[in-house]
Structures are given as C-alpha cells and as structure tokens.
Amino acid sequence: MCKMHLRRKGKPESLEVLRPFVDGSGRTPPNQEEAAEKLGVPVATLRTWLWRLRQRYREALRMEVASTVSDPDDVDQELHYLYQILTT
C-alpha cells in the first residue's frame, strides 16, 4: 500500500495509521496490534501492508535519487550519504 494507492482506494485514514511505521519522523508508531485493530484487519495483514509500503518507499526513494545523479553507479553512495545525514 503506497500513499497514492491508499488515496485512490479512498483510505487516507489508513495512511495516517501506517505512516509512523515508515516515515522516519522519530514518532513512536503504535504497536502493530493496535494499528491492526484501528484498521480492522488481522495483524498478519497489517504486516504485509507494511512490508509492501516499505518496499515501495525504498523503490521510490531509489528512483528519485537516481534521477539526481549523472552516473547510475553513484545511487548507492548517495543513498548511504542521505542515510548518514538523516540519522545524525
């Protein structure tokens, strides 16, 4: 489930529940059981959604970074640098 996918499906409230699990904002996400209950789904479904959301986020970030470098071989280095900046 990506942001656009959830909005297209008419479930922006789901995005708000899932966002703390992937946005890196430092907010503590609710535990998975609470989030699943809010969304009315089994915990296993929530975990699948989170896995897919994180996967799509990684792909989107990689594509965005790739569009900013002249050499495709520099993407991993740029991602590593971005990670360092965001975690210090």
PDB file of N, CA and C in Angstrom:
ATOM      1  N   MET A   1       0.838  -1.178   0.000  1.00  0.00           N
ATOM      2  CA  MET A   1       0.000   0.000   0.000  1.00  0.00           C
ATOM      3  C   MET A   1       0.884   1.243   0.000  1.00  0.00           C
ATOM      4  N   CYS A   2       0.818   1.998  -1.023  1.00  0.00           N
ATOM      5  CA  CYS A   2       1.560   3.248  -1.044  1.00  0.00           C
ATOM      6  C   CYS A   2       0.581   4.388  -0.819  1.00  0.00           C
ATOM      7  N   LYS A   3       1.124   5.564  -0.605  1.00  0.00           N
ATOM      8  CA  LYS A   3       0.305   6.726  -0.310  1.00  0.00           C
ATOM      9  C   LYS A   3      -0.753   6.953  -1.387  1.00  0.00           C
ATOM     10  N   MET A   4      -0.319   6.966  -2.648  1.00  0.00           N
ATOM     11  CA  MET A   4      -1.259   7.193  -3.738  1.00  0.00           C
ATOM     12  C   MET A   4      -2.268   6.053  -3.830  1.00  0.00           C
ATOM     13  N   HIS A   5      -1.813   4.823  -3.616  1.00  0.00           N
ATOM     14  CA  HIS A   5      -2.705   3.674  -3.674  1.00  0.00           C
ATOM     15  C   HIS A   5      -3.793   3.797  -2.611  1.00  0.00           C
ATOM     16  N   LEU A   6      -3.407   4.167  -1.413  1.00  0.00           N
ATOM     17  CA  LEU A   6      -4.388   4.312  -0.342  1.00  0.00           C
ATOM     18  C   LEU A   6      -5.349   5.458  -0.620  1.00  0.00           C
ATOM     19  N   ARG A   7      -4.848   6.538  -1.181  1.00  0.00           N
ATOM     20  CA  ARG A   7      -5.741   7.654  -1.503  1.00  0.00           C
ATOM     21  C   ARG A   7      -6.706   7.272  -2.610  1.00  0.00           C
ATOM     22  N   ARG A   8      -6.205   6.554  -3.622  1.00  0.00           N
ATOM     23  CA  ARG A   8      -7.080   6.125  -4.717  1.00  0.00           C
ATOM     24  C   ARG A   8      -8.158   5.185  -4.213  1.00  0.00           C
ATOM     25  N   LYS A   9      -7.811   4.364  -3.236  1.00  0.00           N
ATOM     26  CA  LYS A   9      -8.768   3.406  -2.683  1.00  0.00           C
ATOM     27  C   LYS A   9      -9.724   4.078  -1.702  1.00  0.00           C
ATOM     28  N   GLY A  10      -9.534   5.396  -1.448  1.00  0.00           N
ATOM     29  CA  GLY A  10     -10.405   6.106  -0.533  1.00  0.00           C
ATOM     30  C   GLY A  10     -10.108   5.796   0.922  1.00  0.00           C
ATOM     31  N   LYS A  11      -8.841   5.501   1.227  1.00  0.00           N
ATOM     32  CA  LYS A  11      -8.475   5.127   2.583  1.00  0.00           C
ATOM     33  C   LYS A  11      -7.338   5.997   3.124  1.00  0.00           C
ATOM     34  N   PRO A  12      -7.465   7.315   3.050  1.00  0.00           N
ATOM     35  CA  PRO A  12      -6.390   8.161   3.577  1.00  0.00           C
ATOM     36  C   PRO A  12      -6.196   7.975   5.081  1.00  0.00           C
ATOM     37  N   GLU A  13      -7.257   7.565   5.797  1.00  0.00           N
ATOM     38  CA  GLU A  13      -7.112   7.322   7.238  1.00  0.00           C
ATOM     39  C   GLU A  13      -6.169   6.148   7.482  1.00  0.00           C
ATOM     40  N   SER A  14      -6.155   5.180   6.576  1.00  0.00           N
ATOM     41  CA  SER A  14      -5.225   4.060   6.703  1.00  0.00           C
ATOM     42  C   SER A  14      -3.792   4.551   6.588  1.00  0.00           C
ATOM     43  N   LEU A  15      -3.575   5.485   5.689  1.00  0.00           N
ATOM     44  CA  LEU A  15      -2.240   6.043   5.521  1.00  0.00           C
ATOM     45  C   LEU A  15      -1.766   6.704   6.813  1.00  0.00           C
ATOM     46  N   GLU A  16      -2.649   7.402   7.488  1.00  0.00           N
ATOM     47  CA  GLU A  16      -2.270   8.069   8.735  1.00  0.00           C
ATOM     48  C   GLU A  16      -1.881   7.061   9.815  1.00  0.00           C
ATOM     49  N   VAL A  17      -2.523   5.916   9.832  1.00  0.00           N
ATOM     50  CA  VAL A  17      -2.180   4.876  10.805  1.00  0.00           C
ATOM     51  C   VAL A  17      -0.849   4.229  10.442  1.00  0.00           C
ATOM     52  N   LEU A  18      -0.594   4.022   9.149  1.00  0.00           N
ATOM     53  CA  LEU A  18       0.618   3.335   8.705  1.00  0.00           C
ATOM     54  C   LEU A  18       1.845   4.248   8.650  1.00  0.00           C
ATOM     55  N   ARG A  19       1.639   5.535   8.448  1.00  0.00           N
ATOM     56  CA  ARG A  19       2.743   6.479   8.273  1.00  0.00           C
ATOM     57  C   ARG A  19       3.820   6.391   9.361  1.00  0.00           C
ATOM     58  N   PRO A  20       3.482   6.340  10.635  1.00  0.00           N
ATOM     59  CA  PRO A  20       4.538   6.302  11.655  1.00  0.00           C
ATOM     60  C   PRO A  20       5.453   5.079  11.560  1.00  0.00           C
ATOM     61  N   PHE A  21       4.999   4.046  10.888  1.00  0.00           N
ATOM     62  CA  PHE A  21       5.820   2.843  10.750  1.00  0.00           C
ATOM     63  C   PHE A  21       6.911   3.004   9.698  1.00  0.00           C
ATOM     64  N   VAL A  22       6.772   4.004   8.819  1.00  0.00           N
ATOM     65  CA  VAL A  22       7.713   4.110   7.697  1.00  0.00           C
ATOM     66  C   VAL A  22       8.306   5.487   7.463  1.00  0.00           C
ATOM     67  N   ASP A  23       7.803   6.528   8.096  1.00  0.00           N
ATOM     68  CA  ASP A  23       8.228   7.869   7.700  1.00  0.00           C
ATOM     69  C   ASP A  23       9.537   8.344   8.320  1.00  0.00           C
ATOM     70  N   GLY A  24      10.051   7.645   9.307  1.00  0.00           N
ATOM     71  CA  GLY A  24      11.330   8.033   9.889  1.00  0.00           C
ATOM     72  C   GLY A  24      11.288   9.349  10.648  1.00  0.00           C
ATOM     73  N   SER A  25      10.122   9.771  11.052  1.00  0.00           N
ATOM     74  CA  SER A  25       9.984  11.063  11.721  1.00  0.00           C
ATOM     75  C   SER A  25      10.438  11.030  13.177  1.00  0.00           C
ATOM     76  N   GLY A  26      10.679   9.846  13.683  1.00  0.00           N
ATOM     77  CA  GLY A  26      11.065   9.733  15.078  1.00  0.00           C
ATOM     78  C   GLY A  26       9.876   9.527  15.998  1.00  0.00           C
ATOM     79  N   ARG A  27       8.665   9.703  15.456  1.00  0.00           N
ATOM     80  CA  ARG A  27       7.480   9.419  16.270  1.00  0.00           C
ATOM     81  C   ARG A  27       7.431   7.926  16.523  1.00  0.00           C
ATOM     82  N   THR A  28       7.039   7.567  17.698  1.00  0.00           N
ATOM     83  CA  THR A  28       6.903   6.153  18.015  1.00  0.00           C
ATOM     84  C   THR A  28       5.599   5.645  17.431  1.00  0.00           C
ATOM     85  N   PRO A  29       5.695   4.652  16.551  1.00  0.00           N
ATOM     86  CA  PRO A  29       4.449   4.129  15.987  1.00  0.00           C
ATOM     87  C   PRO A  29       3.669   3.348  17.044  1.00  0.00           C
ATOM     88  N   PRO A  30       2.381   3.230  16.862  1.00  0.00           N
ATOM     89  CA  PRO A  30       1.623   2.381  17.784  1.00  0.00           C
ATOM     90  C   PRO A  30       2.098   0.946  17.600  1.00  0.00           C
ATOM     91  N   ASN A  31       1.801   0.109  18.561  1.00  0.00           N
ATOM     92  CA  ASN A  31       2.200  -1.278  18.326  1.00  0.00           C
ATOM     93  C   ASN A  31       1.334  -1.839  17.202  1.00  0.00           C
ATOM     94  N   GLN A  32       1.816  -2.890  16.589  1.00  0.00           N
ATOM     95  CA  GLN A  32       1.136  -3.428  15.416  1.00  0.00           C
ATOM     96  C   GLN A  32      -0.266  -3.931  15.727  1.00  0.00           C
ATOM     97  N   GLU A  33      -0.460  -4.465  16.911  1.00  0.00           N
ATOM     98  CA  GLU A  33      -1.789  -4.950  17.276  1.00  0.00           C
ATOM     99  C   GLU A  33      -2.793  -3.800  17.332  1.00  0.00           C
ATOM    100  N   GLU A  34      -2.383  -2.666  17.918  1.00  0.00           N
ATOM    101  CA  GLU A  34      -3.267  -1.502  17.991  1.00  0.00           C
ATOM    102  C   GLU A  34      -3.579  -0.961  16.599  1.00  0.00           C
ATOM    103  N   ALA A  35      -2.550  -0.888  15.760  1.00  0.00           N
ATOM    104  CA  ALA A  35      -2.751  -0.377  14.403  1.00  0.00           C
ATOM    105  C   ALA A  35      -3.695  -1.290  13.619  1.00  0.00           C
ATOM    106  N   ALA A  36      -3.500  -2.592  13.736  1.00  0.00           N
ATOM    107  CA  ALA A  36      -4.368  -3.546  13.036  1.00  0.00           C
ATOM    108  C   ALA A  36      -5.809  -3.387  13.501  1.00  0.00           C
ATOM    109  N   GLU A  37      -5.982  -3.201  14.788  1.00  0.00           N
ATOM    110  CA  GLU A  37      -7.339  -3.024  15.327  1.00  0.00           C
ATOM    111  C   GLU A  37      -7.978  -1.753  14.777  1.00  0.00           C
ATOM    112  N   LYS A  38      -7.203  -0.642  14.715  1.00  0.00           N
ATOM    113  CA  LYS A  38      -7.726   0.616  14.165  1.00  0.00           C
ATOM    114  C   LYS A  38      -8.156   0.450  12.716  1.00  0.00           C
ATOM    115  N   LEU A  39      -7.403  -0.366  11.999  1.00  0.00           N
ATOM    116  CA  LEU A  39      -7.693  -0.563  10.582  1.00  0.00           C
ATOM    117  C   LEU A  39      -8.699  -1.675  10.331  1.00  0.00           C
ATOM    118  N   GLY A  40      -8.996  -2.437  11.368  1.00  0.00           N
ATOM    119  CA  GLY A  40      -9.966  -3.518  11.235  1.00  0.00           C
ATOM    120  C   GLY A  40      -9.451  -4.693  10.421  1.00  0.00           C
ATOM    121  N   VAL A  41      -8.146  -4.963  10.551  1.00  0.00           N
ATOM    122  CA  VAL A  41      -7.540  -6.076   9.813  1.00  0.00           C
ATOM    123  C   VAL A  41      -6.734  -6.945  10.768  1.00  0.00           C
ATOM    124  N   PRO A  42      -6.470  -8.189  10.398  1.00  0.00           N
ATOM    125  CA  PRO A  42      -5.598  -9.026  11.219  1.00  0.00           C
ATOM    126  C   PRO A  42      -4.168  -8.472  11.219  1.00  0.00           C
ATOM    127  N   VAL A  43      -3.429  -8.777  12.259  1.00  0.00           N
ATOM    128  CA  VAL A  43      -2.043  -8.315  12.374  1.00  0.00           C
ATOM    129  C   VAL A  43      -1.219  -8.805  11.178  1.00  0.00           C
ATOM    130  N   ALA A  44      -1.464 -10.022  10.733  1.00  0.00           N
ATOM    131  CA  ALA A  44      -0.723 -10.550   9.578  1.00  0.00           C
ATOM    132  C   ALA A  44      -0.951  -9.684   8.339  1.00  0.00           C
ATOM    133  N   THR A  45      -2.157  -9.190   8.148  1.00  0.00           N
ATOM    134  CA  THR A  45      -2.457  -8.304   7.015  1.00  0.00           C
ATOM    135  C   THR A  45      -1.720  -6.990   7.165  1.00  0.00           C
ATOM    136  N   LEU A  46      -1.734  -6.441   8.373  1.00  0.00           N
ATOM    137  CA  LEU A  46      -1.008  -5.198   8.628  1.00  0.00           C
ATOM    138  C   LEU A  46       0.467  -5.375   8.306  1.00  0.00           C
ATOM    139  N   ARG A  47       1.055  -6.471   8.722  1.00  0.00           N
ATOM    140  CA  ARG A  47       2.475  -6.710   8.459  1.00  0.00           C
ATOM    141  C   ARG A  47       2.758  -6.812   6.970  1.00  0.00           C
ATOM    142  N   THR A  48       1.853  -7.425   6.235  1.00  0.00           N
ATOM    143  CA  THR A  48       2.003  -7.499   4.785  1.00  0.00           C
ATOM    144  C   THR A  48       1.937  -6.105   4.175  1.00  0.00           C
ATOM    145  N   TRP A  49       0.968  -5.303   4.615  1.00  0.00           N
ATOM    146  CA  TRP A  49       0.845  -3.938   4.116  1.00  0.00           C
ATOM    147  C   TRP A  49       2.116  -3.147   4.408  1.00  0.00           C
ATOM    148  N   LEU A  50       2.642  -3.280   5.630  1.00  0.00           N
ATOM    149  CA  LEU A  50       3.851  -2.545   5.996  1.00  0.00           C
ATOM    150  C   LEU A  50       5.041  -2.980   5.149  1.00  0.00           C
ATOM    151  N   TRP A  51       5.158  -4.265   4.903  1.00  0.00           N
ATOM    152  CA  TRP A  51       6.256  -4.761   4.080  1.00  0.00           C
ATOM    153  C   TRP A  51       6.163  -4.159   2.683  1.00  0.00           C
ATOM    154  N   ARG A  52       4.958  -4.177   2.122  1.00  0.00           N
ATOM    155  CA  ARG A  52       4.759  -3.628   0.776  1.00  0.00           C
ATOM    156  C   ARG A  52       4.996  -2.126   0.741  1.00  0.00           C
ATOM    157  N   LEU A  53       4.510  -1.416   1.753  1.00  0.00           N
ATOM    158  CA  LEU A  53       4.687   0.032   1.818  1.00  0.00           C
ATOM    159  C   LEU A  53       6.164   0.392   1.908  1.00  0.00           C
ATOM    160  N   ARG A  54       6.895  -0.320   2.743  1.00  0.00           N
ATOM    161  CA  ARG A  54       8.335  -0.067   2.865  1.00  0.00           C
ATOM    162  C   ARG A  54       9.062  -0.377   1.568  1.00  0.00           C
ATOM    163  N   GLN A  55       8.668  -1.454   0.923  1.00  0.00           N
ATOM    164  CA  GLN A  55       9.278  -1.835  -0.361  1.00  0.00           C
ATOM    165  C   GLN A  55       9.049  -0.737  -1.393  1.00  0.00           C
ATOM    166  N   ARG A  56       7.831  -0.258  -1.502  1.00  0.00           N
ATOM    167  CA  ARG A  56       7.513   0.796  -2.471  1.00  0.00           C
ATOM    168  C   ARG A  56       8.227   2.095  -2.120  1.00  0.00           C
ATOM    169  N   TYR A  57       8.343   2.378  -0.834  1.00  0.00           N
ATOM    170  CA  TYR A  57       9.050   3.577  -0.405  1.00  0.00           C
ATOM    171  C   TYR A  57      10.521   3.499  -0.823  1.00  0.00           C
ATOM    172  N   ARG A  58      11.140   2.332  -0.587  1.00  0.00           N
ATOM    173  CA  ARG A  58      12.545   2.152  -0.993  1.00  0.00           C
ATOM    174  C   ARG A  58      12.700   2.335  -2.496  1.00  0.00           C
ATOM    175  N   GLU A  59      11.811   1.744  -3.266  1.00  0.00           N
ATOM    176  CA  GLU A  59      11.875   1.851  -4.725  1.00  0.00           C
ATOM    177  C   GLU A  59      11.714   3.309  -5.174  1.00  0.00           C
ATOM    178  N   ALA A  60      10.760   4.010  -4.585  1.00  0.00           N
ATOM    179  CA  ALA A  60      10.523   5.406  -4.953  1.00  0.00           C
ATOM    180  C   ALA A  60      11.720   6.273  -4.589  1.00  0.00           C
ATOM    181  N   LEU A  61      12.292   6.046  -3.414  1.00  0.00           N
ATOM    182  CA  LEU A  61      13.460   6.810  -2.996  1.00  0.00           C
ATOM    183  C   LEU A  61      14.637   6.537  -3.924  1.00  0.00           C
ATOM    184  N   ARG A  62      14.858   5.269  -4.263  1.00  0.00           N
ATOM    185  CA  ARG A  62      15.947   4.902  -5.166  1.00  0.00           C
ATOM    186  C   ARG A  62      15.759   5.584  -6.529  1.00  0.00           C
ATOM    187  N   MET A  63      14.542   5.577  -7.051  1.00  0.00           N
ATOM    188  CA  MET A  63      14.278   6.215  -8.347  1.00  0.00           C
ATOM    189  C   MET A  63      14.509   7.720  -8.279  1.00  0.00           C
ATOM    190  N   GLU A  64      14.096   8.323  -7.180  1.00  0.00           N
ATOM    191  CA  GLU A  64      14.289   9.765  -7.027  1.00  0.00           C
ATOM    192  C   GLU A  64      15.773  10.116  -6.972  1.00  0.00           C
ATOM    193  N   VAL A  65      16.526   9.366  -6.182  1.00  0.00           N
ATOM    194  CA  VAL A  65      17.962   9.612  -6.088  1.00  0.00           C
ATOM    195  C   VAL A  65      18.628   9.357  -7.443  1.00  0.00           C
ATOM    196  N   ALA A  66      18.216   8.312  -8.132  1.00  0.00           N
ATOM    197  CA  ALA A  66      18.789   8.000  -9.451  1.00  0.00           C
ATOM    198  C   ALA A  66      18.578   9.149 -10.431  1.00  0.00           C
ATOM    199  N   SER A  67      17.491   9.871 -10.271  1.00  0.00           N
ATOM    200  CA  SER A  67      17.224  10.985 -11.184  1.00  0.00           C
ATOM    201  C   SER A  67      18.095  12.202 -10.890  1.00  0.00           C
ATOM    202  N   THR A  68      18.839  12.172  -9.780  1.00  0.00           N
ATOM    203  CA  THR A  68      19.662  13.330  -9.408  1.00  0.00           C
ATOM    204  C   THR A  68      21.148  13.120  -9.642  1.00  0.00           C
ATOM    205  N   VAL A  69      21.551  11.918 -10.022  1.00  0.00           N
ATOM    206  CA  VAL A  69      22.978  11.649 -10.234  1.00  0.00           C
ATOM    207  C   VAL A  69      23.238  11.394 -11.718  1.00  0.00           C
ATOM    208  N   SER A  70      24.434  11.725 -12.147  1.00  0.00           N
ATOM    209  CA  SER A  70      24.762  11.535 -13.564  1.00  0.00           C
ATOM    210  C   SER A  70      25.214  10.108 -13.867  1.00  0.00           C
ATOM    211  N   ASP A  71      25.755   9.430 -12.864  1.00  0.00           N
ATOM    212  CA  ASP A  71      26.243   8.061 -13.052  1.00  0.00           C
ATOM    213  C   ASP A  71      25.388   7.112 -12.223  1.00  0.00           C
ATOM    214  N   PRO A  72      24.708   6.157 -12.839  1.00  0.00           N
ATOM    215  CA  PRO A  72      23.867   5.215 -12.091  1.00  0.00           C
ATOM    216  C   PRO A  72      24.619   4.451 -10.997  1.00  0.00           C
ATOM    217  N   ASP A  73      25.915   4.324 -11.151  1.00  0.00           N
ATOM    218  CA  ASP A  73      26.706   3.631 -10.133  1.00  0.00           C
ATOM    219  C   ASP A  73      26.813   4.432  -8.839  1.00  0.00           C
ATOM    220  N   ASP A  74      26.421   5.708  -8.870  1.00  0.00           N
ATOM    221  CA  ASP A  74      26.509   6.566  -7.684  1.00  0.00           C
ATOM    222  C   ASP A  74      25.273   6.500  -6.791  1.00  0.00           C
ATOM    223  N   VAL A  75      24.239   5.799  -7.215  1.00  0.00           N
ATOM    224  CA  VAL A  75      22.976   5.779  -6.463  1.00  0.00           C
ATOM    225  C   VAL A  75      23.182   5.234  -5.054  1.00  0.00           C
ATOM    226  N   ASP A  76      23.854   4.105  -4.917  1.00  0.00           N
ATOM    227  CA  ASP A  76      24.051   3.520  -3.589  1.00  0.00           C
ATOM    228  C   ASP A  76      24.857   4.435  -2.683  1.00  0.00           C
ATOM    229  N   GLN A  77      25.869   5.074  -3.242  1.00  0.00           N
ATOM    230  CA  GLN A  77      26.682   6.008  -2.458  1.00  0.00           C
ATOM    231  C   GLN A  77      25.836   7.193  -1.984  1.00  0.00           C
ATOM    232  N   GLU A  78      24.996   7.716  -2.857  1.00  0.00           N
ATOM    233  CA  GLU A  78      24.121   8.831  -2.489  1.00  0.00           C
ATOM    234  C   GLU A  78      23.113   8.416  -1.422  1.00  0.00           C
ATOM    235  N   LEU A  79      22.549   7.218  -1.556  1.00  0.00           N
ATOM    236  CA  LEU A  79      21.603   6.728  -0.556  1.00  0.00           C
ATOM    237  C   LEU A  79      22.288   6.566   0.793  1.00  0.00           C
ATOM    238  N   HIS A  80      23.506   6.072   0.780  1.00  0.00           N
ATOM    239  CA  HIS A  80      24.263   5.911   2.029  1.00  0.00           C
ATOM    240  C   HIS A  80      24.513   7.283   2.659  1.00  0.00           C
ATOM    241  N   TYR A  81      24.889   8.248   1.846  1.00  0.00           N
ATOM    242  CA  TYR A  81      25.123   9.601   2.348  1.00  0.00           C
ATOM    243  C   TYR A  81      23.839  10.194   2.933  1.00  0.00           C
ATOM    244  N   LEU A  82      22.734  10.020   2.234  1.00  0.00           N
ATOM    245  CA  LEU A  82      21.442  10.504   2.725  1.00  0.00           C
ATOM    246  C   LEU A  82      21.100   9.864   4.064  1.00  0.00           C
ATOM    247  N   TYR A  83      21.318   8.564   4.165  1.00  0.00           N
ATOM    248  CA  TYR A  83      21.061   7.856   5.420  1.00  0.00           C
ATOM    249  C   TYR A  83      21.914   8.437   6.552  1.00  0.00           C
ATOM    250  N   GLN A  84      23.186   8.698   6.274  1.00  0.00           N
ATOM    251  CA  GLN A  84      24.067   9.266   7.294  1.00  0.00           C
ATOM    252  C   GLN A  84      23.571  10.630   7.770  1.00  0.00           C
ATOM    253  N   ILE A  85      23.152  11.458   6.835  1.00  0.00           N
ATOM    254  CA  ILE A  85      22.661  12.791   7.190  1.00  0.00           C
ATOM    255  C   ILE A  85      21.399  12.695   8.048  1.00  0.00           C
ATOM    256  N   LEU A  86      20.516  11.796   7.671  1.00  0.00           N
ATOM    257  CA  LEU A  86      19.234  11.702   8.378  1.00  0.00           C
ATOM    258  C   LEU A  86      19.334  11.038   9.753  1.00  0.00           C
ATOM    259  N   THR A  87      20.371  10.284   9.981  1.00  0.00           N
ATOM    260  CA  THR A  87      20.490   9.560  11.253  1.00  0.00           C
ATOM    261  C   THR A  87      21.468  10.212  12.229  1.00  0.00           C
ATOM    262  N   THR A  88      22.049  11.346  11.855  1.00  0.00           N
ATOM    263  CA  THR A  88      22.967  12.022  12.798  1.00  0.00           C
ATOM    264  C   THR A  88      22.357  13.256  13.358  1.00  0.00           C
TER     265      THR A  88
END
